[in-house]
Amino acid sequence: NISVRLKDGNSSGNGRVEVFFNGEWGTICDDNWSNNNALVICRMLGYSNAVAYSKAHFGAGTGQIWLDNVNCTGTEYSLSECMSNRWGHHDCEHNEDAAVNC
C-alpha cells in the first residue's frame, strides 16, 4: 500500500507529490507526468479533480526520487496500479519534481 502526501503547496489540495517507500518519503520525477497521473494521486487523497504540474512548481524536494516515467490511465485507485520505472530508478534531479493541484 503506497502512501502519498502533498508538500509545500498553498492549500491542502496542492503541492509537490511525495510518496512513502522503504521507510522514507521521496518525490516523483516529472518525466511523462500527466493529468491522468495527477488524477490518481488526487483520488488517493480523496479529491475528484486534478491538474498536473512539472518542473518543481511547488519547490524542489530533498532525499530520494522514488518514481520516474509514471504512466497512469486515470482510472486507477492507487499509484501502485500504474506503470513506472522500478522504485529508485530515474534520470532526474529535484528540479523535475512532480506536483498536483487537486
PDB file of N, CA and C in Angstrom:
ATOM      1  N   ASN A   1       0.845  -1.196   0.000  1.00  0.00           N
ATOM      2  CA  ASN A   1       0.000   0.000   0.000  1.00  0.00           C
ATOM      3  C   ASN A   1       0.881   1.248   0.000  1.00  0.00           C
ATOM      4  N   ILE A   2       0.737   2.083  -0.986  1.00  0.00           N
ATOM      5  CA  ILE A   2       1.561   3.284  -1.132  1.00  0.00           C
ATOM      6  C   ILE A   2       0.877   4.462  -0.451  1.00  0.00           C
ATOM      7  N   SER A   3       1.631   5.203   0.339  1.00  0.00           N
ATOM      8  CA  SER A   3       1.132   6.443   0.929  1.00  0.00           C
ATOM      9  C   SER A   3       1.659   7.620   0.122  1.00  0.00           C
ATOM     10  N   VAL A   4       0.792   8.618  -0.092  1.00  0.00           N
ATOM     11  CA  VAL A   4       1.207   9.836  -0.783  1.00  0.00           C
ATOM     12  C   VAL A   4       0.825  11.046   0.061  1.00  0.00           C
ATOM     13  N   ARG A   5       1.550  12.134  -0.140  1.00  0.00           N
ATOM     14  CA  ARG A   5       1.219  13.401   0.514  1.00  0.00           C
ATOM     15  C   ARG A   5       1.603  14.536  -0.429  1.00  0.00           C
ATOM     16  N   LEU A   6       1.033  15.710  -0.163  1.00  0.00           N
ATOM     17  CA  LEU A   6       1.360  16.916  -0.924  1.00  0.00           C
ATOM     18  C   LEU A   6       2.089  17.877  -0.006  1.00  0.00           C
ATOM     19  N   LYS A   7       3.226  18.385  -0.462  1.00  0.00           N
ATOM     20  CA  LYS A   7       4.074  19.246   0.367  1.00  0.00           C
ATOM     21  C   LYS A   7       4.279  20.608  -0.286  1.00  0.00           C
ATOM     22  N   ASP A   8       4.375  21.637   0.570  1.00  0.00           N
ATOM     23  CA  ASP A   8       4.774  22.994   0.173  1.00  0.00           C
ATOM     24  C   ASP A   8       3.815  23.658  -0.810  1.00  0.00           C
ATOM     25  N   GLY A   9       2.542  23.237  -0.818  1.00  0.00           N
ATOM     26  CA  GLY A   9       1.537  23.918  -1.623  1.00  0.00           C
ATOM     27  C   GLY A   9       0.995  25.122  -0.881  1.00  0.00           C
ATOM     28  N   ASN A  10       0.053  25.836  -1.511  1.00  0.00           N
ATOM     29  CA  ASN A  10      -0.556  26.982  -0.844  1.00  0.00           C
ATOM     30  C   ASN A  10      -1.944  26.657  -0.312  1.00  0.00           C
ATOM     31  N   SER A  11      -2.347  25.368  -0.406  1.00  0.00           N
ATOM     32  CA  SER A  11      -3.556  24.879   0.252  1.00  0.00           C
ATOM     33  C   SER A  11      -3.371  23.383   0.480  1.00  0.00           C
ATOM     34  N   SER A  12      -4.313  22.768   1.189  1.00  0.00           N
ATOM     35  CA  SER A  12      -4.165  21.341   1.488  1.00  0.00           C
ATOM     36  C   SER A  12      -4.295  20.475   0.240  1.00  0.00           C
ATOM     37  N   GLY A  13      -4.881  21.015  -0.838  1.00  0.00           N
ATOM     38  CA  GLY A  13      -5.126  20.228  -2.034  1.00  0.00           C
ATOM     39  C   GLY A  13      -4.115  20.392  -3.143  1.00  0.00           C
ATOM     40  N   ASN A  14      -2.985  21.032  -2.863  1.00  0.00           N
ATOM     41  CA  ASN A  14      -1.964  21.122  -3.906  1.00  0.00           C
ATOM     42  C   ASN A  14      -0.574  21.058  -3.294  1.00  0.00           C
ATOM     43  N   GLY A  15       0.398  20.771  -4.141  1.00  0.00           N
ATOM     44  CA  GLY A  15       1.775  20.712  -3.679  1.00  0.00           C
ATOM     45  C   GLY A  15       2.600  19.705  -4.449  1.00  0.00           C
ATOM     46  N   ARG A  16       3.840  19.600  -4.034  1.00  0.00           N
ATOM     47  CA  ARG A  16       4.760  18.601  -4.592  1.00  0.00           C
ATOM     48  C   ARG A  16       4.302  17.222  -4.119  1.00  0.00           C
ATOM     49  N   VAL A  17       4.279  16.265  -5.027  1.00  0.00           N
ATOM     50  CA  VAL A  17       3.861  14.908  -4.671  1.00  0.00           C
ATOM     51  C   VAL A  17       5.030  14.177  -4.017  1.00  0.00           C
ATOM     52  N   GLU A  18       4.773  13.617  -2.835  1.00  0.00           N
ATOM     53  CA  GLU A  18       5.767  12.774  -2.174  1.00  0.00           C
ATOM     54  C   GLU A  18       5.139  11.422  -1.870  1.00  0.00           C
ATOM     55  N   VAL A  19       5.941  10.376  -2.033  1.00  0.00           N
ATOM     56  CA  VAL A  19       5.487   9.008  -1.792  1.00  0.00           C
ATOM     57  C   VAL A  19       6.368   8.371  -0.726  1.00  0.00           C
ATOM     58  N   PHE A  20       5.763   7.496   0.086  1.00  0.00           N
ATOM     59  CA  PHE A  20       6.475   6.823   1.173  1.00  0.00           C
ATOM     60  C   PHE A  20       6.831   5.416   0.731  1.00  0.00           C
ATOM     61  N   PHE A  21       8.114   5.120   0.732  1.00  0.00           N
ATOM     62  CA  PHE A  21       8.590   3.806   0.307  1.00  0.00           C
ATOM     63  C   PHE A  21       9.841   3.465   1.099  1.00  0.00           C
ATOM     64  N   ASN A  22       9.936   2.217   1.547  1.00  0.00           N
ATOM     65  CA  ASN A  22      11.144   1.752   2.220  1.00  0.00           C
ATOM     66  C   ASN A  22      11.484   2.620   3.430  1.00  0.00           C
ATOM     67  N   GLY A  23      10.456   3.100   4.137  1.00  0.00           N
ATOM     68  CA  GLY A  23      10.663   3.879   5.349  1.00  0.00           C
ATOM     69  C   GLY A  23      11.043   5.325   5.137  1.00  0.00           C
ATOM     70  N   GLU A  24      10.898   5.818   3.901  1.00  0.00           N
ATOM     71  CA  GLU A  24      11.394   7.162   3.588  1.00  0.00           C
ATOM     72  C   GLU A  24      10.477   7.863   2.585  1.00  0.00           C
ATOM     73  N   TRP A  25      10.205   9.151   2.839  1.00  0.00           N
ATOM     74  CA  TRP A  25       9.461   9.956   1.871  1.00  0.00           C
ATOM     75  C   TRP A  25      10.392  10.391   0.738  1.00  0.00           C
ATOM     76  N   GLY A  26       9.874  10.388  -0.469  1.00  0.00           N
ATOM     77  CA  GLY A  26      10.633  10.850  -1.623  1.00  0.00           C
ATOM     78  C   GLY A  26       9.701  11.420  -2.671  1.00  0.00           C
ATOM     79  N   THR A  27      10.276  11.897  -3.760  1.00  0.00           N
ATOM     80  CA  THR A  27       9.499  12.594  -4.784  1.00  0.00           C
ATOM     81  C   THR A  27       9.305  11.728  -6.028  1.00  0.00           C
ATOM     82  N   ILE A  28       8.560  12.286  -6.980  1.00  0.00           N
ATOM     83  CA  ILE A  28       8.323  11.654  -8.280  1.00  0.00           C
ATOM     84  C   ILE A  28       8.878  12.579  -9.354  1.00  0.00           C
ATOM     85  N   CYS A  29       9.630  12.024 -10.291  1.00  0.00           N
ATOM     86  CA  CYS A  29      10.152  12.812 -11.406  1.00  0.00           C
ATOM     87  C   CYS A  29       9.027  13.137 -12.386  1.00  0.00           C
ATOM     88  N   ASP A  30       9.122  14.295 -13.033  1.00  0.00           N
ATOM     89  CA  ASP A  30       8.039  14.747 -13.910  1.00  0.00           C
ATOM     90  C   ASP A  30       8.112  14.198 -15.339  1.00  0.00           C
ATOM     91  N   ASP A  31       9.034  13.287 -15.642  1.00  0.00           N
ATOM     92  CA  ASP A  31       9.057  12.678 -16.978  1.00  0.00           C
ATOM     93  C   ASP A  31       7.712  11.988 -17.238  1.00  0.00           C
ATOM     94  N   ASN A  32       7.035  12.383 -18.318  1.00  0.00           N
ATOM     95  CA  ASN A  32       5.719  11.842 -18.685  1.00  0.00           C
ATOM     96  C   ASN A  32       4.625  12.139 -17.663  1.00  0.00           C
ATOM     97  N   TRP A  33       4.843  13.117 -16.779  1.00  0.00           N
ATOM     98  CA  TRP A  33       3.828  13.475 -15.786  1.00  0.00           C
ATOM     99  C   TRP A  33       2.619  14.065 -16.498  1.00  0.00           C
ATOM    100  N   SER A  34       1.430  13.616 -16.130  1.00  0.00           N
ATOM    101  CA  SER A  34       0.220  13.995 -16.867  1.00  0.00           C
ATOM    102  C   SER A  34      -0.952  14.209 -15.921  1.00  0.00           C
ATOM    103  N   ASN A  35      -2.031  14.775 -16.465  1.00  0.00           N
ATOM    104  CA  ASN A  35      -3.250  14.937 -15.674  1.00  0.00           C
ATOM    105  C   ASN A  35      -3.827  13.589 -15.248  1.00  0.00           C
ATOM    106  N   ASN A  36      -3.629  12.538 -16.053  1.00  0.00           N
ATOM    107  CA  ASN A  36      -4.082  11.203 -15.641  1.00  0.00           C
ATOM    108  C   ASN A  36      -3.344  10.737 -14.392  1.00  0.00           C
ATOM    109  N   ASN A  37      -2.033  10.987 -14.344  1.00  0.00           N
ATOM    110  CA  ASN A  37      -1.265  10.642 -13.145  1.00  0.00           C
ATOM    111  C   ASN A  37      -1.761  11.446 -11.954  1.00  0.00           C
ATOM    112  N   ALA A  38      -1.962  12.747 -12.173  1.00  0.00           N
ATOM    113  CA  ALA A  38      -2.423  13.620 -11.094  1.00  0.00           C
ATOM    114  C   ALA A  38      -3.779  13.171 -10.566  1.00  0.00           C
ATOM    115  N   LEU A  39      -4.645  12.709 -11.469  1.00  0.00           N
ATOM    116  CA  LEU A  39      -5.973  12.257 -11.065  1.00  0.00           C
ATOM    117  C   LEU A  39      -5.886  11.097 -10.077  1.00  0.00           C
ATOM    118  N   VAL A  40      -4.955  10.184 -10.303  1.00  0.00           N
ATOM    119  CA  VAL A  40      -4.788   9.045  -9.398  1.00  0.00           C
ATOM    120  C   VAL A  40      -4.263   9.515  -8.042  1.00  0.00           C
ATOM    121  N   ILE A  41      -3.285  10.421  -8.046  1.00  0.00           N
ATOM    122  CA  ILE A  41      -2.771  10.975  -6.788  1.00  0.00           C
ATOM    123  C   ILE A  41      -3.905  11.636  -6.011  1.00  0.00           C
ATOM    124  N   CYS A  42      -4.676  12.475  -6.690  1.00  0.00           N
ATOM    125  CA  CYS A  42      -5.757  13.196  -6.018  1.00  0.00           C
ATOM    126  C   CYS A  42      -6.839  12.242  -5.522  1.00  0.00           C
ATOM    127  N   ARG A  43      -7.151  11.213  -6.314  1.00  0.00           N
ATOM    128  CA  ARG A  43      -8.129  10.208  -5.882  1.00  0.00           C
ATOM    129  C   ARG A  43      -7.650   9.527  -4.600  1.00  0.00           C
ATOM    130  N   MET A  44      -6.366   9.206  -4.518  1.00  0.00           N
ATOM    131  CA  MET A  44      -5.810   8.580  -3.309  1.00  0.00           C
ATOM    132  C   MET A  44      -5.990   9.474  -2.083  1.00  0.00           C
ATOM    133  N   LEU A  45      -6.056  10.787  -2.316  1.00  0.00           N
ATOM    134  CA  LEU A  45      -6.175  11.746  -1.216  1.00  0.00           C
ATOM    135  C   LEU A  45      -7.616  12.210  -1.001  1.00  0.00           C
ATOM    136  N   GLY A  46      -8.557  11.615  -1.742  1.00  0.00           N
ATOM    137  CA  GLY A  46      -9.964  11.918  -1.525  1.00  0.00           C
ATOM    138  C   GLY A  46     -10.531  13.040  -2.368  1.00  0.00           C
ATOM    139  N   TYR A  47      -9.796  13.470  -3.388  1.00  0.00           N
ATOM    140  CA  TYR A  47     -10.266  14.531  -4.284  1.00  0.00           C
ATOM    141  C   TYR A  47     -10.736  13.932  -5.607  1.00  0.00           C
ATOM    142  N   SER A  48     -11.549  14.690  -6.350  1.00  0.00           N
ATOM    143  CA  SER A  48     -12.074  14.170  -7.613  1.00  0.00           C
ATOM    144  C   SER A  48     -11.533  14.889  -8.846  1.00  0.00           C
ATOM    145  N   ASN A  49     -10.893  16.031  -8.674  1.00  0.00           N
ATOM    146  CA  ASN A  49     -10.326  16.768  -9.806  1.00  0.00           C
ATOM    147  C   ASN A  49      -8.809  16.818  -9.684  1.00  0.00           C
ATOM    148  N   ALA A  50      -8.141  17.100 -10.803  1.00  0.00           N
ATOM    149  CA  ALA A  50      -6.680  17.124 -10.754  1.00  0.00           C
ATOM    150  C   ALA A  50      -6.078  17.857 -11.942  1.00  0.00           C
ATOM    151  N   VAL A  51      -5.025  18.614 -11.671  1.00  0.00           N
ATOM    152  CA  VAL A  51      -4.187  19.212 -12.702  1.00  0.00           C
ATOM    153  C   VAL A  51      -2.739  18.886 -12.357  1.00  0.00           C
ATOM    154  N   ALA A  52      -1.982  18.447 -13.349  1.00  0.00           N
ATOM    155  CA  ALA A  52      -0.575  18.096 -13.148  1.00  0.00           C
ATOM    156  C   ALA A  52       0.317  19.319 -13.341  1.00  0.00           C
ATOM    157  N   TYR A  53       1.347  19.428 -12.515  1.00  0.00           N
ATOM    158  CA  TYR A  53       2.371  20.460 -12.659  1.00  0.00           C
ATOM    159  C   TYR A  53       3.736  19.789 -12.674  1.00  0.00           C
ATOM    160  N   SER A  54       4.665  20.381 -13.411  1.00  0.00           N
ATOM    161  CA  SER A  54       6.013  19.821 -13.510  1.00  0.00           C
ATOM    162  C   SER A  54       7.050  20.859 -13.112  1.00  0.00           C
ATOM    163  N   LYS A  55       8.311  20.502 -13.302  1.00  0.00           N
ATOM    164  CA  LYS A  55       9.442  21.410 -13.060  1.00  0.00           C
ATOM    165  C   LYS A  55       9.425  22.013 -11.651  1.00  0.00           C
ATOM    166  N   ALA A  56       9.138  21.175 -10.644  1.00  0.00           N
ATOM    167  CA  ALA A  56       9.176  21.599  -9.234  1.00  0.00           C
ATOM    168  C   ALA A  56       8.336  22.858  -9.002  1.00  0.00           C
ATOM    169  N   HIS A  57       7.121  22.858  -9.534  1.00  0.00           N
ATOM    170  CA  HIS A  57       6.211  24.008  -9.464  1.00  0.00           C
ATOM    171  C   HIS A  57       6.022  24.506  -8.030  1.00  0.00           C
ATOM    172  N   PHE A  58       5.982  23.593  -7.070  1.00  0.00           N
ATOM    173  CA  PHE A  58       5.826  23.965  -5.661  1.00  0.00           C
ATOM    174  C   PHE A  58       7.136  23.808  -4.886  1.00  0.00           C
ATOM    175  N   GLY A  59       8.247  23.920  -5.591  1.00  0.00           N
ATOM    176  CA  GLY A  59       9.552  23.819  -4.952  1.00  0.00           C
ATOM    177  C   GLY A  59      10.142  22.427  -5.068  1.00  0.00           C
ATOM    178  N   ALA A  60      11.452  22.369  -4.998  1.00  0.00           N
ATOM    179  CA  ALA A  60      12.176  21.104  -5.102  1.00  0.00           C
ATOM    180  C   ALA A  60      12.187  20.388  -3.765  1.00  0.00           C
ATOM    181  N   GLY A  61      12.017  19.077  -3.814  1.00  0.00           N
ATOM    182  CA  GLY A  61      12.104  18.264  -2.614  1.00  0.00           C
ATOM    183  C   GLY A  61      13.545  17.905  -2.304  1.00  0.00           C
ATOM    184  N   THR A  62      13.713  17.039  -1.321  1.00  0.00           N
ATOM    185  CA  THR A  62      15.036  16.544  -0.945  1.00  0.00           C
ATOM    186  C   THR A  62      14.954  15.028  -0.797  1.00  0.00           C
ATOM    187  N   GLY A  63      16.094  14.401  -0.640  1.00  0.00           N
ATOM    188  CA  GLY A  63      16.113  12.957  -0.415  1.00  0.00           C
ATOM    189  C   GLY A  63      15.918  12.179  -1.705  1.00  0.00           C
ATOM    190  N   GLN A  64      15.264  11.041  -1.577  1.00  0.00           N
ATOM    191  CA  GLN A  64      15.105  10.122  -2.701  1.00  0.00           C
ATOM    192  C   GLN A  64      14.160  10.665  -3.770  1.00  0.00           C
ATOM    193  N   ILE A  65      14.453  10.322  -5.014  1.00  0.00           N
ATOM    194  CA  ILE A  65      13.480  10.440  -6.096  1.00  0.00           C
ATOM    195  C   ILE A  65      13.023   9.006  -6.353  1.00  0.00           C
ATOM    196  N   TRP A  66      11.819   8.689  -5.902  1.00  0.00           N
ATOM    197  CA  TRP A  66      11.398   7.288  -5.884  1.00  0.00           C
ATOM    198  C   TRP A  66      10.880   6.786  -7.223  1.00  0.00           C
ATOM    199  N   LEU A  67      10.136   7.627  -7.958  1.00  0.00           N
ATOM    200  CA  LEU A  67       9.492   7.135  -9.177  1.00  0.00           C
ATOM    201  C   LEU A  67       9.787   8.037 -10.369  1.00  0.00           C
ATOM    202  N   ASP A  68       9.804   7.432 -11.553  1.00  0.00           N
ATOM    203  CA  ASP A  68      10.030   8.152 -12.804  1.00  0.00           C
ATOM    204  C   ASP A  68       9.215   7.460 -13.897  1.00  0.00           C
ATOM    205  N   ASN A  69       8.860   8.226 -14.922  1.00  0.00           N
ATOM    206  CA  ASN A  69       8.080   7.702 -16.048  1.00  0.00           C
ATOM    207  C   ASN A  69       6.789   7.026 -15.590  1.00  0.00           C
ATOM    208  N   VAL A  70       6.117   7.655 -14.624  1.00  0.00           N
ATOM    209  CA  VAL A  70       4.819   7.143 -14.173  1.00  0.00           C
ATOM    210  C   VAL A  70       3.823   7.279 -15.321  1.00  0.00           C
ATOM    211  N   ASN A  71       3.046   6.239 -15.554  1.00  0.00           N
ATOM    212  CA  ASN A  71       2.087   6.242 -16.663  1.00  0.00           C
ATOM    213  C   ASN A  71       0.774   5.622 -16.203  1.00  0.00           C
ATOM    214  N   CYS A  72      -0.123   6.456 -15.675  1.00  0.00           N
ATOM    215  CA  CYS A  72      -1.453   6.018 -15.257  1.00  0.00           C
ATOM    216  C   CYS A  72      -2.455   6.302 -16.375  1.00  0.00           C
ATOM    217  N   THR A  73      -3.520   5.518 -16.434  1.00  0.00           N
ATOM    218  CA  THR A  73      -4.596   5.783 -17.392  1.00  0.00           C
ATOM    219  C   THR A  73      -5.592   6.792 -16.829  1.00  0.00           C
ATOM    220  N   GLY A  74      -5.575   6.975 -15.512  1.00  0.00           N
ATOM    221  CA  GLY A  74      -6.501   7.886 -14.852  1.00  0.00           C
ATOM    222  C   GLY A  74      -7.640   7.174 -14.151  1.00  0.00           C
ATOM    223  N   THR A  75      -7.765   5.860 -14.378  1.00  0.00           N
ATOM    224  CA  THR A  75      -8.846   5.095 -13.748  1.00  0.00           C
ATOM    225  C   THR A  75      -8.388   4.356 -12.491  1.00  0.00           C
ATOM    226  N   GLU A  76      -7.090   4.338 -12.233  1.00  0.00           N
ATOM    227  CA  GLU A  76      -6.556   3.580 -11.104  1.00  0.00           C
ATOM    228  C   GLU A  76      -6.942   4.226  -9.768  1.00  0.00           C
ATOM    229  N   TYR A  77      -6.960   3.399  -8.736  1.00  0.00           N
ATOM    230  CA  TYR A  77      -7.248   3.881  -7.387  1.00  0.00           C
ATOM    231  C   TYR A  77      -5.982   4.062  -6.561  1.00  0.00           C
ATOM    232  N   SER A  78      -4.868   3.566  -7.065  1.00  0.00           N
ATOM    233  CA  SER A  78      -3.595   3.712  -6.362  1.00  0.00           C
ATOM    234  C   SER A  78      -2.462   3.822  -7.373  1.00  0.00           C
ATOM    235  N   LEU A  79      -1.442   4.553  -6.986  1.00  0.00           N
ATOM    236  CA  LEU A  79      -0.242   4.679  -7.800  1.00  0.00           C
ATOM    237  C   LEU A  79       0.387   3.316  -8.080  1.00  0.00           C
ATOM    238  N   SER A  80       0.184   2.367  -7.174  1.00  0.00           N
ATOM    239  CA  SER A  80       0.768   1.032  -7.336  1.00  0.00           C
ATOM    240  C   SER A  80       0.206   0.302  -8.554  1.00  0.00           C
ATOM    241  N   GLU A  81      -0.945   0.753  -9.076  1.00  0.00           N
ATOM    242  CA  GLU A  81      -1.553   0.132 -10.253  1.00  0.00           C
ATOM    243  C   GLU A  81      -1.009   0.708 -11.559  1.00  0.00           C
ATOM    244  N   CYS A  82      -0.245   1.787 -11.481  1.00  0.00           N
ATOM    245  CA  CYS A  82       0.267   2.467 -12.675  1.00  0.00           C
ATOM    246  C   CYS A  82       1.634   1.923 -13.072  1.00  0.00           C
ATOM    247  N   MET A  83       1.927   1.986 -14.349  1.00  0.00           N
ATOM    248  CA  MET A  83       3.246   1.606 -14.839  1.00  0.00           C
ATOM    249  C   MET A  83       4.262   2.692 -14.475  1.00  0.00           C
ATOM    250  N   SER A  84       5.496   2.285 -14.216  1.00  0.00           N
ATOM    251  CA  SER A  84       6.585   3.243 -13.969  1.00  0.00           C
ATOM    252  C   SER A  84       7.903   2.488 -14.001  1.00  0.00           C
ATOM    253  N   ASN A  85       8.997   3.264 -13.939  1.00  0.00           N
ATOM    254  CA  ASN A  85      10.301   2.637 -13.717  1.00  0.00           C
ATOM    255  C   ASN A  85      10.274   1.936 -12.361  1.00  0.00           C
ATOM    256  N   ARG A  86      11.221   1.044 -12.125  1.00  0.00           N
ATOM    257  CA  ARG A  86      11.354   0.437 -10.799  1.00  0.00           C
ATOM    258  C   ARG A  86      11.649   1.517  -9.767  1.00  0.00           C
ATOM    259  N   TRP A  87      11.250   1.261  -8.531  1.00  0.00           N
ATOM    260  CA  TRP A  87      11.487   2.212  -7.440  1.00  0.00           C
ATOM    261  C   TRP A  87      12.961   2.605  -7.393  1.00  0.00           C
ATOM    262  N   GLY A  88      13.215   3.910  -7.376  1.00  0.00           N
ATOM    263  CA  GLY A  88      14.571   4.428  -7.245  1.00  0.00           C
ATOM    264  C   GLY A  88      15.348   4.520  -8.544  1.00  0.00           C
ATOM    265  N   HIS A  89      14.763   4.077  -9.658  1.00  0.00           N
ATOM    266  CA  HIS A  89      15.452   4.132 -10.953  1.00  0.00           C
ATOM    267  C   HIS A  89      14.949   5.338 -11.740  1.00  0.00           C
ATOM    268  N   HIS A  90      15.818   6.328 -11.925  1.00  0.00           N
ATOM    269  CA  HIS A  90      15.410   7.576 -12.581  1.00  0.00           C
ATOM    270  C   HIS A  90      16.629   8.241 -13.201  1.00  0.00           C
ATOM    271  N   ASP A  91      16.372   9.268 -14.016  1.00  0.00           N
ATOM    272  CA  ASP A  91      17.451  10.079 -14.599  1.00  0.00           C
ATOM    273  C   ASP A  91      17.137  11.552 -14.342  1.00  0.00           C
ATOM    274  N   CYS A  92      16.789  11.873 -13.111  1.00  0.00           N
ATOM    275  CA  CYS A  92      16.227  13.182 -12.779  1.00  0.00           C
ATOM    276  C   CYS A  92      16.967  13.860 -11.634  1.00  0.00           C
ATOM    277  N   GLU A  93      16.716  15.156 -11.507  1.00  0.00           N
ATOM    278  CA  GLU A  93      17.123  15.941 -10.342  1.00  0.00           C
ATOM    279  C   GLU A  93      15.848  16.503  -9.717  1.00  0.00           C
ATOM    280  N   HIS A  94      15.990  17.099  -8.523  1.00  0.00           N
ATOM    281  CA  HIS A  94      14.792  17.580  -7.831  1.00  0.00           C
ATOM    282  C   HIS A  94      14.134  18.785  -8.512  1.00  0.00           C
ATOM    283  N   ASN A  95      14.815  19.419  -9.473  1.00  0.00           N
ATOM    284  CA  ASN A  95      14.147  20.499 -10.216  1.00  0.00           C
ATOM    285  C   ASN A  95      13.114  19.947 -11.194  1.00  0.00           C
ATOM    286  N   GLU A  96      12.976  18.630 -11.247  1.00  0.00           N
ATOM    287  CA  GLU A  96      11.961  17.966 -12.066  1.00  0.00           C
ATOM    288  C   GLU A  96      10.880  17.308 -11.205  1.00  0.00           C
ATOM    289  N   ASP A  97      10.769  17.697  -9.938  1.00  0.00           N
ATOM    290  CA  ASP A  97       9.780  17.079  -9.056  1.00  0.00           C
ATOM    291  C   ASP A  97       8.357  17.368  -9.536  1.00  0.00           C
ATOM    292  N   ALA A  98       7.544  16.326  -9.541  1.00  0.00           N
ATOM    293  CA  ALA A  98       6.154  16.422  -9.991  1.00  0.00           C
ATOM    294  C   ALA A  98       5.272  16.995  -8.890  1.00  0.00           C
ATOM    295  N   ALA A  99       4.209  17.682  -9.317  1.00  0.00           N
ATOM    296  CA  ALA A  99       3.272  18.288  -8.374  1.00  0.00           C
ATOM    297  C   ALA A  99       1.859  18.189  -8.939  1.00  0.00           C
ATOM    298  N   VAL A 100       0.867  18.420  -8.068  1.00  0.00           N
ATOM    299  CA  VAL A 100      -0.532  18.399  -8.495  1.00  0.00           C
ATOM    300  C   VAL A 100      -1.321  19.500  -7.802  1.00  0.00           C
ATOM    301  N   ASN A 101      -2.433  19.844  -8.425  1.00  0.00           N
ATOM    302  CA  ASN A 101      -3.457  20.672  -7.794  1.00  0.00           C
ATOM    303  C   ASN A 101      -4.755  19.880  -7.897  1.00  0.00           C
ATOM    304  N   CYS A 102      -5.296  19.483  -6.742  1.00  0.00           N
ATOM    305  CA  CYS A 102      -6.498  18.639  -6.715  1.00  0.00           C
ATOM    306  C   CYS A 102      -7.765  19.487  -6.647  1.00  0.00           C
TER     307      CYS A 102
END
